[in-house]
PDB file of N, CA and C in Angstrom:
ATOM      1  N   MET A   1     -32.866   7.770  -9.558  1.00  0.00           N
ATOM      2  CA  MET A   1     -31.997   8.346  -8.585  1.00  0.00           C
ATOM      3  C   MET A   1     -30.608   7.816  -8.817  1.00  0.00           C
ATOM      4  N   THR A   2     -29.615   8.697  -8.810  1.00  0.00           N
ATOM      5  CA  THR A   2     -28.255   8.308  -9.046  1.00  0.00           C
ATOM      6  C   THR A   2     -27.534   8.015  -7.726  1.00  0.00           C
ATOM      7  N   ASP A   3     -26.514   7.208  -7.831  1.00  0.00           N
ATOM      8  CA  ASP A   3     -25.698   6.961  -6.634  1.00  0.00           C
ATOM      9  C   ASP A   3     -24.916   8.177  -6.277  1.00  0.00           C
ATOM     10  N   PRO A   4     -24.681   8.387  -4.966  1.00  0.00           N
ATOM     11  CA  PRO A   4     -23.897   9.562  -4.579  1.00  0.00           C
ATOM     12  C   PRO A   4     -22.454   9.438  -5.112  1.00  0.00           C
ATOM     13  N   GLU A   5     -21.830  10.609  -5.269  1.00  0.00           N
ATOM     14  CA  GLU A   5     -20.440  10.618  -5.681  1.00  0.00           C
ATOM     15  C   GLU A   5     -19.543   9.892  -4.654  1.00  0.00           C
ATOM     16  N   PRO A   6     -18.622   9.044  -5.108  1.00  0.00           N
ATOM     17  CA  PRO A   6     -17.727   8.424  -4.114  1.00  0.00           C
ATOM     18  C   PRO A   6     -16.885   9.482  -3.420  1.00  0.00           C
ATOM     19  N   GLU A   7     -16.534   9.239  -2.163  1.00  0.00           N
ATOM     20  CA  GLU A   7     -15.723  10.191  -1.430  1.00  0.00           C
ATOM     21  C   GLU A   7     -14.348   9.582  -1.182  1.00  0.00           C
ATOM     22  N   LEU A   8     -13.414  10.460  -1.040  1.00  0.00           N
ATOM     23  CA  LEU A   8     -12.089  10.013  -0.578  1.00  0.00           C
ATOM     24  C   LEU A   8     -12.196   9.520   0.859  1.00  0.00           C
ATOM     25  N   PRO A   9     -11.464   8.516   1.226  1.00  0.00           N
ATOM     26  CA  PRO A   9     -11.548   8.022   2.624  1.00  0.00           C
ATOM     27  C   PRO A   9     -11.075   9.089   3.572  1.00  0.00           C
ATOM     28  N   ARG A  10     -11.740   9.123   4.767  1.00  0.00           N
ATOM     29  CA  ARG A  10     -11.334  10.068   5.775  1.00  0.00           C
ATOM     30  C   ARG A  10     -10.228   9.380   6.604  1.00  0.00           C
ATOM     31  N   LEU A  11      -9.284  10.184   7.041  1.00  0.00           N
ATOM     32  CA  LEU A  11      -8.172   9.635   7.785  1.00  0.00           C
ATOM     33  C   LEU A  11      -8.590   8.940   9.062  1.00  0.00           C
ATOM     34  N   ALA A  12      -9.675   9.430   9.691  1.00  0.00           N
ATOM     35  CA  ALA A  12     -10.148   8.799  10.907  1.00  0.00           C
ATOM     36  C   ALA A  12     -10.609   7.370  10.645  1.00  0.00           C
ATOM     37  N   GLU A  13     -11.159   7.122   9.450  1.00  0.00           N
ATOM     38  CA  GLU A  13     -11.601   5.789   9.062  1.00  0.00           C
ATOM     39  C   GLU A  13     -10.430   4.819   8.881  1.00  0.00           C
ATOM     40  N   LEU A  14      -9.273   5.356   8.510  1.00  0.00           N
ATOM     41  CA  LEU A  14      -8.107   4.527   8.194  1.00  0.00           C
ATOM     42  C   LEU A  14      -7.128   4.427   9.362  1.00  0.00           C
ATOM     43  N   ASP A  15      -7.401   5.090  10.486  1.00  0.00           N
ATOM     44  CA  ASP A  15      -6.484   5.171  11.611  1.00  0.00           C
ATOM     45  C   ASP A  15      -6.050   3.795  12.102  1.00  0.00           C
ATOM     46  N   GLN A  16      -6.967   2.928  12.452  1.00  0.00           N
ATOM     47  CA  GLN A  16      -6.634   1.598  12.992  1.00  0.00           C
ATOM     48  C   GLN A  16      -5.931   0.752  11.931  1.00  0.00           C
ATOM     49  N   LEU A  17      -6.372   0.821  10.684  1.00  0.00           N
ATOM     50  CA  LEU A  17      -5.716   0.092   9.622  1.00  0.00           C
ATOM     51  C   LEU A  17      -4.263   0.581   9.487  1.00  0.00           C
ATOM     52  N   ALA A  18      -4.052   1.881   9.514  1.00  0.00           N
ATOM     53  CA  ALA A  18      -2.719   2.414   9.375  1.00  0.00           C
ATOM     54  C   ALA A  18      -1.785   1.943  10.525  1.00  0.00           C
ATOM     55  N   GLU A  19      -2.373   1.901  11.742  1.00  0.00           N
ATOM     56  CA  GLU A  19      -1.584   1.410  12.868  1.00  0.00           C
ATOM     57  C   GLU A  19      -1.171  -0.065  12.671  1.00  0.00           C
ATOM     58  N   ARG A  20      -2.123  -0.875  12.169  1.00  0.00           N
ATOM     59  CA  ARG A  20      -1.839  -2.294  11.969  1.00  0.00           C
ATOM     60  C   ARG A  20      -0.802  -2.471  10.859  1.00  0.00           C
ATOM     61  N   LEU A  21      -0.946  -1.733   9.764  1.00  0.00           N
ATOM     62  CA  LEU A  21       0.004  -1.789   8.682  1.00  0.00           C
ATOM     63  C   LEU A  21       1.400  -1.384   9.151  1.00  0.00           C
ATOM     64  N   LEU A  22       1.462  -0.345  10.011  1.00  0.00           N
ATOM     65  CA  LEU A  22       2.780   0.106  10.554  1.00  0.00           C
ATOM     66  C   LEU A  22       3.374  -0.941  11.495  1.00  0.00           C
ATOM     67  N   GLU A  23       2.557  -1.721  12.197  1.00  0.00           N
ATOM     68  CA  GLU A  23       3.087  -2.796  13.018  1.00  0.00           C
ATOM     69  C   GLU A  23       3.757  -3.839  12.143  1.00  0.00           C
ATOM     70  N   HIS A  24       3.168  -4.187  11.033  1.00  0.00           N
ATOM     71  CA  HIS A  24       3.803  -5.129  10.106  1.00  0.00           C
ATOM     72  C   HIS A  24       5.061  -4.492   9.522  1.00  0.00           C
ATOM     73  N   ALA A  25       4.980  -3.240   9.152  1.00  0.00           N
ATOM     74  CA  ALA A  25       6.130  -2.556   8.541  1.00  0.00           C
ATOM     75  C   ALA A  25       7.309  -2.523   9.535  1.00  0.00           C
ATOM     76  N   ALA A  26       7.040  -2.325  10.804  1.00  0.00           N
ATOM     77  CA  ALA A  26       8.133  -2.262  11.817  1.00  0.00           C
ATOM     78  C   ALA A  26       8.843  -3.597  11.901  1.00  0.00           C
ATOM     79  N   ALA A  27       8.120  -4.669  11.670  1.00  0.00           N
ATOM     80  CA  ALA A  27       8.722  -5.993  11.718  1.00  0.00           C
ATOM     81  C   ALA A  27       9.512  -6.366  10.457  1.00  0.00           C
ATOM     82  N   GLU A  28       9.118  -5.742   9.337  1.00  0.00           N
ATOM     83  CA  GLU A  28       9.665  -6.134   8.041  1.00  0.00           C
ATOM     84  C   GLU A  28      10.657  -5.127   7.449  1.00  0.00           C
ATOM     85  N   LEU A  29      10.521  -3.854   7.793  1.00  0.00           N
ATOM     86  CA  LEU A  29      11.284  -2.797   7.135  1.00  0.00           C
ATOM     87  C   LEU A  29      12.219  -2.047   8.124  1.00  0.00           C
ATOM     88  N   GLU A  30      13.222  -1.411   7.569  1.00  0.00           N
ATOM     89  CA  GLU A  30      14.115  -0.570   8.363  1.00  0.00           C
ATOM     90  C   GLU A  30      13.419   0.765   8.651  1.00  0.00           C
ATOM     91  N   PRO A  31      13.053   1.022   9.920  1.00  0.00           N
ATOM     92  CA  PRO A  31      12.247   2.200  10.201  1.00  0.00           C
ATOM     93  C   PRO A  31      12.816   3.540   9.687  1.00  0.00           C
ATOM     94  N   ALA A  32      14.122   3.737   9.757  1.00  0.00           N
ATOM     95  CA  ALA A  32      14.704   4.983   9.281  1.00  0.00           C
ATOM     96  C   ALA A  32      14.602   5.180   7.803  1.00  0.00           C
ATOM     97  N   ARG A  33      14.361   4.118   7.057  1.00  0.00           N
ATOM     98  CA  ARG A  33      14.256   4.206   5.596  1.00  0.00           C
ATOM     99  C   ARG A  33      12.847   3.927   5.065  1.00  0.00           C
ATOM    100  N   THR A  34      11.857   3.978   5.959  1.00  0.00           N
ATOM    101  CA  THR A  34      10.517   3.621   5.569  1.00  0.00           C
ATOM    102  C   THR A  34       9.674   4.861   5.250  1.00  0.00           C
ATOM    103  N   THR A  35       8.917   4.819   4.185  1.00  0.00           N
ATOM    104  CA  THR A  35       8.027   5.917   3.772  1.00  0.00           C
ATOM    105  C   THR A  35       6.610   5.389   3.895  1.00  0.00           C
ATOM    106  N   LEU A  36       5.739   6.156   4.551  1.00  0.00           N
ATOM    107  CA  LEU A  36       4.296   5.811   4.622  1.00  0.00           C
ATOM    108  C   LEU A  36       3.544   6.693   3.628  1.00  0.00           C
ATOM    109  N   GLU A  37       2.693   6.118   2.831  1.00  0.00           N
ATOM    110  CA  GLU A  37       2.025   6.837   1.743  1.00  0.00           C
ATOM    111  C   GLU A  37       0.552   6.447   1.685  1.00  0.00           C
ATOM    112  N   LEU A  38      -0.285   7.473   1.629  1.00  0.00           N
ATOM    113  CA  LEU A  38      -1.729   7.266   1.421  1.00  0.00           C
ATOM    114  C   LEU A  38      -2.097   8.035   0.144  1.00  0.00           C
ATOM    115  N   THR A  39      -2.679   7.348  -0.811  1.00  0.00           N
ATOM    116  CA  THR A  39      -3.116   7.941  -2.066  1.00  0.00           C
ATOM    117  C   THR A  39      -4.585   7.725  -2.203  1.00  0.00           C
ATOM    118  N   GLY A  40      -5.348   8.796  -2.386  1.00  0.00           N
ATOM    119  CA  GLY A  40      -6.813   8.692  -2.607  1.00  0.00           C
ATOM    120  C   GLY A  40      -7.129   9.029  -4.027  1.00  0.00           C
ATOM    121  N   TYR A  41      -8.134   8.366  -4.603  1.00  0.00           N
ATOM    122  CA  TYR A  41      -8.515   8.550  -5.974  1.00  0.00           C
ATOM    123  C   TYR A  41      -9.959   9.123  -6.070  1.00  0.00           C
ATOM    124  N   ALA A  42     -10.282   9.784  -7.148  1.00  0.00           N
ATOM    125  CA  ALA A  42     -11.570  10.433  -7.301  1.00  0.00           C
ATOM    126  C   ALA A  42     -12.732   9.413  -7.243  1.00  0.00           C
ATOM    127  N   ASP A  43     -12.476   8.175  -7.593  1.00  0.00           N
ATOM    128  CA  ASP A  43     -13.555   7.189  -7.550  1.00  0.00           C
ATOM    129  C   ASP A  43     -13.809   6.594  -6.187  1.00  0.00           C
ATOM    130  N   GLY A  44     -13.084   7.124  -5.172  1.00  0.00           N
ATOM    131  CA  GLY A  44     -13.256   6.612  -3.829  1.00  0.00           C
ATOM    132  C   GLY A  44     -12.261   5.565  -3.440  1.00  0.00           C
ATOM    133  N   ASP A  45     -11.516   5.040  -4.380  1.00  0.00           N
ATOM    134  CA  ASP A  45     -10.539   4.008  -4.106  1.00  0.00           C
ATOM    135  C   ASP A  45      -9.311   4.657  -3.443  1.00  0.00           C
ATOM    136  N   TYR A  46      -8.480   3.844  -2.785  1.00  0.00           N
ATOM    137  CA  TYR A  46      -7.304   4.406  -2.137  1.00  0.00           C
ATOM    138  C   TYR A  46      -6.218   3.333  -2.027  1.00  0.00           C
ATOM    139  N   GLU A  47      -4.981   3.793  -1.803  1.00  0.00           N
ATOM    140  CA  GLU A  47      -3.864   2.896  -1.549  1.00  0.00           C
ATOM    141  C   GLU A  47      -3.210   3.369  -0.281  1.00  0.00           C
ATOM    142  N   LEU A  48      -2.885   2.432   0.630  1.00  0.00           N
ATOM    143  CA  LEU A  48      -2.160   2.731   1.836  1.00  0.00           C
ATOM    144  C   LEU A  48      -0.983   1.784   1.835  1.00  0.00           C
ATOM    145  N   ARG A  49       0.248   2.361   1.935  1.00  0.00           N
ATOM    146  CA  ARG A  49       1.407   1.514   1.886  1.00  0.00           C
ATOM    147  C   ARG A  49       2.598   2.113   2.653  1.00  0.00           C
ATOM    148  N   ALA A  50       3.444   1.298   3.173  1.00  0.00           N
ATOM    149  CA  ALA A  50       4.710   1.703   3.752  1.00  0.00           C
ATOM    150  C   ALA A  50       5.763   0.932   2.963  1.00  0.00           C
ATOM    151  N   PHE A  51       6.812   1.610   2.513  1.00  0.00           N
ATOM    152  CA  PHE A  51       7.827   0.933   1.707  1.00  0.00           C
ATOM    153  C   PHE A  51       9.222   1.424   2.036  1.00  0.00           C
ATOM    154  N   GLU A  52      10.184   0.567   1.699  1.00  0.00           N
ATOM    155  CA  GLU A  52      11.552   0.834   1.869  1.00  0.00           C
ATOM    156  C   GLU A  52      12.271   0.528   0.562  1.00  0.00           C
ATOM    157  N   THR A  53      13.147   1.393   0.118  1.00  0.00           N
ATOM    158  CA  THR A  53      13.974   1.099  -1.023  1.00  0.00           C
ATOM    159  C   THR A  53      15.219   0.390  -0.477  1.00  0.00           C
ATOM    160  N   VAL A  54      15.359  -0.915  -0.812  1.00  0.00           N
ATOM    161  CA  VAL A  54      16.440  -1.714  -0.312  1.00  0.00           C
ATOM    162  C   VAL A  54      17.737  -1.457  -1.046  1.00  0.00           C
ATOM    163  N   SER A  55      17.674  -1.318  -2.374  1.00  0.00           N
ATOM    164  CA  SER A  55      18.873  -1.067  -3.110  1.00  0.00           C
ATOM    165  C   SER A  55      18.529  -0.308  -4.420  1.00  0.00           C
ATOM    166  N   LEU A  56      19.587   0.304  -4.967  1.00  0.00           N
ATOM    167  CA  LEU A  56      19.463   0.971  -6.248  1.00  0.00           C
ATOM    168  C   LEU A  56      20.674   0.530  -7.069  1.00  0.00           C
ATOM    169  N   ARG A  57      20.422   0.043  -8.258  1.00  0.00           N
ATOM    170  CA  ARG A  57      21.535  -0.435  -9.074  1.00  0.00           C
ATOM    171  C   ARG A  57      21.232  -0.080 -10.539  1.00  0.00           C
ATOM    172  N   SER A  58      22.207  -0.221 -11.364  1.00  0.00           N
ATOM    173  CA  SER A  58      22.019  -0.010 -12.819  1.00  0.00           C
ATOM    174  C   SER A  58      21.698  -1.339 -13.468  1.00  0.00           C
ATOM    175  N   GLY A  59      20.668  -1.359 -14.297  1.00  0.00           N
ATOM    176  CA  GLY A  59      20.307  -2.527 -15.049  1.00  0.00           C
ATOM    177  C   GLY A  59      21.220  -2.760 -16.203  1.00  0.00           C
ATOM    178  N   PRO A  60      21.041  -3.874 -16.944  1.00  0.00           N
ATOM    179  CA  PRO A  60      21.923  -4.188 -18.083  1.00  0.00           C
ATOM    180  C   PRO A  60      21.882  -3.126 -19.183  1.00  0.00           C
ATOM    181  N   ASP A  61      20.781  -2.406 -19.279  1.00  0.00           N
ATOM    182  CA  ASP A  61      20.684  -1.395 -20.319  1.00  0.00           C
ATOM    183  C   ASP A  61      21.062  -0.003 -19.784  1.00  0.00           C
ATOM    184  N   GLY A  62      21.566   0.038 -18.530  1.00  0.00           N
ATOM    185  CA  GLY A  62      22.051   1.310 -17.977  1.00  0.00           C
ATOM    186  C   GLY A  62      20.997   2.116 -17.182  1.00  0.00           C
ATOM    187  N   GLU A  63      19.723   1.672 -17.201  1.00  0.00           N
ATOM    188  CA  GLU A  63      18.730   2.406 -16.458  1.00  0.00           C
ATOM    189  C   GLU A  63      18.755   2.061 -14.973  1.00  0.00           C
ATOM    190  N   ASP A  64      18.295   2.968 -14.129  1.00  0.00           N
ATOM    191  CA  ASP A  64      18.197   2.697 -12.675  1.00  0.00           C
ATOM    192  C   ASP A  64      17.155   1.674 -12.350  1.00  0.00           C
ATOM    193  N   VAL A  65      17.510   0.744 -11.429  1.00  0.00           N
ATOM    194  CA  VAL A  65      16.541  -0.258 -10.991  1.00  0.00           C
ATOM    195  C   VAL A  65      16.510  -0.189  -9.452  1.00  0.00           C
ATOM    196  N   TRP A  66      15.303   0.009  -8.899  1.00  0.00           N
ATOM    197  CA  TRP A  66      15.109   0.086  -7.477  1.00  0.00           C
ATOM    198  C   TRP A  66      14.537  -1.259  -7.017  1.00  0.00           C
ATOM    199  N   GLU A  67      15.115  -1.786  -5.939  1.00  0.00           N
ATOM    200  CA  GLU A  67      14.549  -2.944  -5.294  1.00  0.00           C
ATOM    201  C   GLU A  67      13.781  -2.444  -4.050  1.00  0.00           C
ATOM    202  N   ARG A  68      12.522  -2.800  -3.965  1.00  0.00           N
ATOM    203  CA  ARG A  68      11.704  -2.290  -2.819  1.00  0.00           C
ATOM    204  C   ARG A  68      10.970  -3.382  -2.140  1.00  0.00           C
ATOM    205  N   ILE A  69      10.723  -3.145  -0.846  1.00  0.00           N
ATOM    206  CA  ILE A  69       9.853  -4.002  -0.077  1.00  0.00           C
ATOM    207  C   ILE A  69       8.789  -3.086   0.436  1.00  0.00           C
ATOM    208  N   GLU A  70       7.565  -3.551   0.304  1.00  0.00           N
ATOM    209  CA  GLU A  70       6.372  -2.709   0.598  1.00  0.00           C
ATOM    210  C   GLU A  70       5.381  -3.521   1.448  1.00  0.00           C
ATOM    211  N   ILE A  71       4.840  -2.875   2.464  1.00  0.00           N
ATOM    212  CA  ILE A  71       3.707  -3.437   3.196  1.00  0.00           C
ATOM    213  C   ILE A  71       2.521  -2.611   2.758  1.00  0.00           C
ATOM    214  N   ARG A  72       1.515  -3.229   2.198  1.00  0.00           N
ATOM    215  CA  ARG A  72       0.424  -2.438   1.595  1.00  0.00           C
ATOM    216  C   ARG A  72      -0.917  -3.049   1.994  1.00  0.00           C
ATOM    217  N   TYR A  73      -1.934  -2.227   1.854  1.00  0.00           N
ATOM    218  CA  TYR A  73      -3.294  -2.734   2.060  1.00  0.00           C
ATOM    219  C   TYR A  73      -3.995  -2.823   0.756  1.00  0.00           C
ATOM    220  N   ASN A  74      -4.585  -3.972   0.478  1.00  0.00           N
ATOM    221  CA  ASN A  74      -5.361  -4.142  -0.761  1.00  0.00           C
ATOM    222  C   ASN A  74      -6.828  -4.123  -0.404  1.00  0.00           C
ATOM    223  N   PRO A  75      -7.511  -2.993  -0.625  1.00  0.00           N
ATOM    224  CA  PRO A  75      -8.930  -2.880  -0.187  1.00  0.00           C
ATOM    225  C   PRO A  75      -9.839  -3.831  -0.985  1.00  0.00           C
ATOM    226  N   ARG A  76      -9.501  -4.168  -2.224  1.00  0.00           N
ATOM    227  CA  ARG A  76     -10.361  -5.057  -3.006  1.00  0.00           C
ATOM    228  C   ARG A  76     -10.314  -6.472  -2.456  1.00  0.00           C
ATOM    229  N   LEU A  77      -9.144  -6.924  -2.008  1.00  0.00           N
ATOM    230  CA  LEU A  77      -9.003  -8.244  -1.455  1.00  0.00           C
ATOM    231  C   LEU A  77      -9.156  -8.270   0.083  1.00  0.00           C
ATOM    232  N   GLU A  78      -9.062  -7.102   0.709  1.00  0.00           N
ATOM    233  CA  GLU A  78      -9.109  -6.962   2.131  1.00  0.00           C
ATOM    234  C   GLU A  78      -8.009  -7.757   2.837  1.00  0.00           C
ATOM    235  N   TRP A  79      -6.782  -7.484   2.352  1.00  0.00           N
ATOM    236  CA  TRP A  79      -5.600  -8.130   2.923  1.00  0.00           C
ATOM    237  C   TRP A  79      -4.497  -7.127   3.100  1.00  0.00           C
ATOM    238  N   ILE A  80      -3.728  -7.232   4.212  1.00  0.00           N
ATOM    239  CA  ILE A  80      -2.489  -6.532   4.365  1.00  0.00           C
ATOM    240  C   ILE A  80      -1.432  -7.461   3.755  1.00  0.00           C
ATOM    241  N   GLN A  81      -0.631  -6.915   2.847  1.00  0.00           N
ATOM    242  CA  GLN A  81       0.289  -7.769   2.069  1.00  0.00           C
ATOM    243  C   GLN A  81       1.726  -7.258   2.138  1.00  0.00           C
ATOM    244  N   ARG A  82       2.658  -8.172   2.017  1.00  0.00           N
ATOM    245  CA  ARG A  82       4.071  -7.844   1.821  1.00  0.00           C
ATOM    246  C   ARG A  82       4.421  -8.028   0.340  1.00  0.00           C
ATOM    247  N   CYS A  83       4.980  -7.031  -0.232  1.00  0.00           N
ATOM    248  CA  CYS A  83       5.290  -7.089  -1.677  1.00  0.00           C
ATOM    249  C   CYS A  83       6.786  -6.764  -1.836  1.00  0.00           C
ATOM    250  N   HIS A  84       7.536  -7.649  -2.481  1.00  0.00           N
ATOM    251  CA  HIS A  84       8.923  -7.452  -2.770  1.00  0.00           C
ATOM    252  C   HIS A  84       9.029  -7.347  -4.310  1.00  0.00           C
ATOM    253  N   TYR A  85       9.611  -6.270  -4.803  1.00  0.00           N
ATOM    254  CA  TYR A  85       9.660  -6.073  -6.259  1.00  0.00           C
ATOM    255  C   TYR A  85      10.843  -5.222  -6.695  1.00  0.00           C
ATOM    256  N   CYS A  86      11.101  -5.248  -7.951  1.00  0.00           N
ATOM    257  CA  CYS A  86      12.075  -4.328  -8.572  1.00  0.00           C
ATOM    258  C   CYS A  86      11.263  -3.416  -9.473  1.00  0.00           C
ATOM    259  N   GLU A  87      11.774  -2.196  -9.647  1.00  0.00           N
ATOM    260  CA  GLU A  87      11.077  -1.186 -10.419  1.00  0.00           C
ATOM    261  C   GLU A  87      12.090  -0.331 -11.187  1.00  0.00           C
ATOM    262  N   SER A  88      11.716  -0.025 -12.409  1.00  0.00           N
ATOM    263  CA  SER A  88      12.531   0.858 -13.230  1.00  0.00           C
ATOM    264  C   SER A  88      11.581   1.846 -13.894  1.00  0.00           C
ATOM    265  N   ASP A  89      12.113   2.646 -14.815  1.00  0.00           N
ATOM    266  CA  ASP A  89      11.231   3.592 -15.523  1.00  0.00           C
ATOM    267  C   ASP A  89      10.190   2.822 -16.379  1.00  0.00           C
ATOM    268  N   ARG A  90      10.445   1.575 -16.661  1.00  0.00           N
ATOM    269  CA  ARG A  90       9.487   0.777 -17.498  1.00  0.00           C
ATOM    270  C   ARG A  90       8.427   0.081 -16.632  1.00  0.00           C
ATOM    271  N   GLY A  91       8.506   0.188 -15.320  1.00  0.00           N
ATOM    272  CA  GLY A  91       7.490  -0.409 -14.452  1.00  0.00           C
ATOM    273  C   GLY A  91       8.067  -1.424 -13.482  1.00  0.00           C
ATOM    274  N   ARG A  92       7.177  -2.185 -12.856  1.00  0.00           N
ATOM    275  CA  ARG A  92       7.537  -3.202 -11.876  1.00  0.00           C
ATOM    276  C   ARG A  92       7.832  -4.518 -12.568  1.00  0.00           C
ATOM    277  N   PHE A  93       8.738  -5.306 -11.918  1.00  0.00           N
ATOM    278  CA  PHE A  93       8.989  -6.639 -12.370  1.00  0.00           C
ATOM    279  C   PHE A  93       9.542  -7.490 -11.200  1.00  0.00           C
ATOM    280  N   ASP A  94       9.653  -8.761 -11.355  1.00  0.00           N
ATOM    281  CA  ASP A  94      10.063  -9.671 -10.274  1.00  0.00           C
ATOM    282  C   ASP A  94       9.309  -9.451  -8.998  1.00  0.00           C
ATOM    283  N   GLU A  95       8.009  -9.349  -9.124  1.00  0.00           N
ATOM    284  CA  GLU A  95       7.151  -9.048  -7.999  1.00  0.00           C
ATOM    285  C   GLU A  95       6.696 -10.319  -7.245  1.00  0.00           C
ATOM    286  N   THR A  96       6.890 -10.351  -5.950  1.00  0.00           N
ATOM    287  CA  THR A  96       6.437 -11.435  -5.103  1.00  0.00           C
ATOM    288  C   THR A  96       5.551 -10.886  -4.016  1.00  0.00           C
ATOM    289  N   VAL A  97       4.305 -11.384  -3.917  1.00  0.00           N
ATOM    290  CA  VAL A  97       3.326 -10.856  -2.963  1.00  0.00           C
ATOM    291  C   VAL A  97       2.987 -11.965  -1.997  1.00  0.00           C
ATOM    292  N   THR A  98       2.987 -11.614  -0.686  1.00  0.00           N
ATOM    293  CA  THR A  98       2.638 -12.562   0.372  1.00  0.00           C
ATOM    294  C   THR A  98       1.525 -11.927   1.222  1.00  0.00           C
ATOM    295  N   ASP A  99       0.452 -12.674   1.425  1.00  0.00           N
ATOM    296  CA  ASP A  99      -0.622 -12.184   2.317  1.00  0.00           C
ATOM    297  C   ASP A  99      -0.176 -12.285   3.757  1.00  0.00           C
ATOM    298  N   LEU A 100      -0.325 -11.215   4.529  1.00  0.00           N
ATOM    299  CA  LEU A 100       0.095 -11.198   5.933  1.00  0.00           C
ATOM    300  C   LEU A 100      -1.108 -11.308   6.870  1.00  0.00           C
ATOM    301  N   GLU A 101      -2.174 -10.609   6.550  1.00  0.00           N
ATOM    302  CA  GLU A 101      -3.303 -10.603   7.494  1.00  0.00           C
ATOM    303  C   GLU A 101      -4.591 -10.107   6.750  1.00  0.00           C
ATOM    304  N   ALA A 102      -5.672 -10.841   6.962  1.00  0.00           N
ATOM    305  CA  ALA A 102      -6.970 -10.388   6.466  1.00  0.00           C
ATOM    306  C   ALA A 102      -7.423  -9.178   7.327  1.00  0.00           C
ATOM    307  N   TYR A 103      -7.959  -8.160   6.669  1.00  0.00           N
ATOM    308  CA  TYR A 103      -8.386  -6.944   7.377  1.00  0.00           C
ATOM    309  C   TYR A 103      -9.553  -6.373   6.613  1.00  0.00           C
ATOM    310  N   PRO A 104     -10.735  -6.226   7.266  1.00  0.00           N
ATOM    311  CA  PRO A 104     -11.869  -5.683   6.534  1.00  0.00           C
ATOM    312  C   PRO A 104     -11.618  -4.214   6.163  1.00  0.00           C
ATOM    313  N   ASP A 105     -12.115  -3.809   4.991  1.00  0.00           N
ATOM    314  CA  ASP A 105     -11.948  -2.421   4.514  1.00  0.00           C
ATOM    315  C   ASP A 105     -12.672  -1.451   5.426  1.00  0.00           C
ATOM    316  N   PRO A 106     -11.946  -0.585   6.125  1.00  0.00           N
ATOM    317  CA  PRO A 106     -12.618   0.318   7.038  1.00  0.00           C
ATOM    318  C   PRO A 106     -13.558   1.311   6.379  1.00  0.00           C
ATOM    319  N   THR A 107     -13.311   1.628   5.109  1.00  0.00           N
ATOM    320  CA  THR A 107     -14.218   2.564   4.391  1.00  0.00           C
ATOM    321  C   THR A 107     -15.573   1.932   4.097  1.00  0.00           C
ATOM    322  N   SER A 108     -15.576   0.632   3.786  1.00  0.00           N
ATOM    323  CA  SER A 108     -16.883   0.006   3.554  1.00  0.00           C
ATOM    324  C   SER A 108     -17.638  -0.203   4.848  1.00  0.00           C
ATOM    325  N   ILE A 109     -16.927  -0.439   5.932  1.00  0.00           N
ATOM    326  CA  ILE A 109     -17.623  -0.550   7.258  1.00  0.00           C
ATOM    327  C   ILE A 109     -18.215   0.803   7.646  1.00  0.00           C
ATOM    328  N   ALA A 110     -17.446   1.909   7.406  1.00  0.00           N
ATOM    329  CA  ALA A 110     -17.927   3.250   7.692  1.00  0.00           C
ATOM    330  C   ALA A 110     -19.148   3.561   6.885  1.00  0.00           C
ATOM    331  N   ASN A 111     -19.136   3.160   5.606  1.00  0.00           N
ATOM    332  CA  ASN A 111     -20.301   3.436   4.713  1.00  0.00           C
ATOM    333  C   ASN A 111     -21.530   2.664   5.177  1.00  0.00           C
ATOM    334  N   LEU A 112     -21.372   1.472   5.773  1.00  0.00           N
ATOM    335  CA  LEU A 112     -22.499   0.719   6.281  1.00  0.00           C
ATOM    336  C   LEU A 112     -23.089   1.393   7.492  1.00  0.00           C
ATOM    337  N   ASP A 113     -22.259   2.049   8.284  1.00  0.00           N
ATOM    338  CA  ASP A 113     -22.692   2.696   9.512  1.00  0.00           C
ATOM    339  C   ASP A 113     -23.479   3.971   9.235  1.00  0.00           C
ATOM    340  N   GLU A 114     -23.307   4.544   8.076  1.00  0.00           N
ATOM    341  CA  GLU A 114     -23.968   5.825   7.745  1.00  0.00           C
ATOM    342  C   GLU A 114     -25.409   5.624   7.357  1.00  0.00           C
TER     343      GLU A 114
END
């Protein structure tokens, strides 16, 4: 017997987590410049994050560099985290991650209830 196909998380499962993440975001980010993003993957994994672009500047080689602060949920570690980083076309760098709050993965709790 094979394992069932992983499902994308249902929004109802993530509702309380999203509220908690937004509470942290309200304390850390400028509300008018904050973007909330949920990304689901075919393997059942997901990313939930709120972020603000703090600044945009040109790097030494002339490419655009974005400085961002992000409040994100890490389902593998089960932590809400604050992440401050810079990003360019070549990827992220100068990343600093701070754990804010332990939070159980609501999708694994929902799977146990089924």
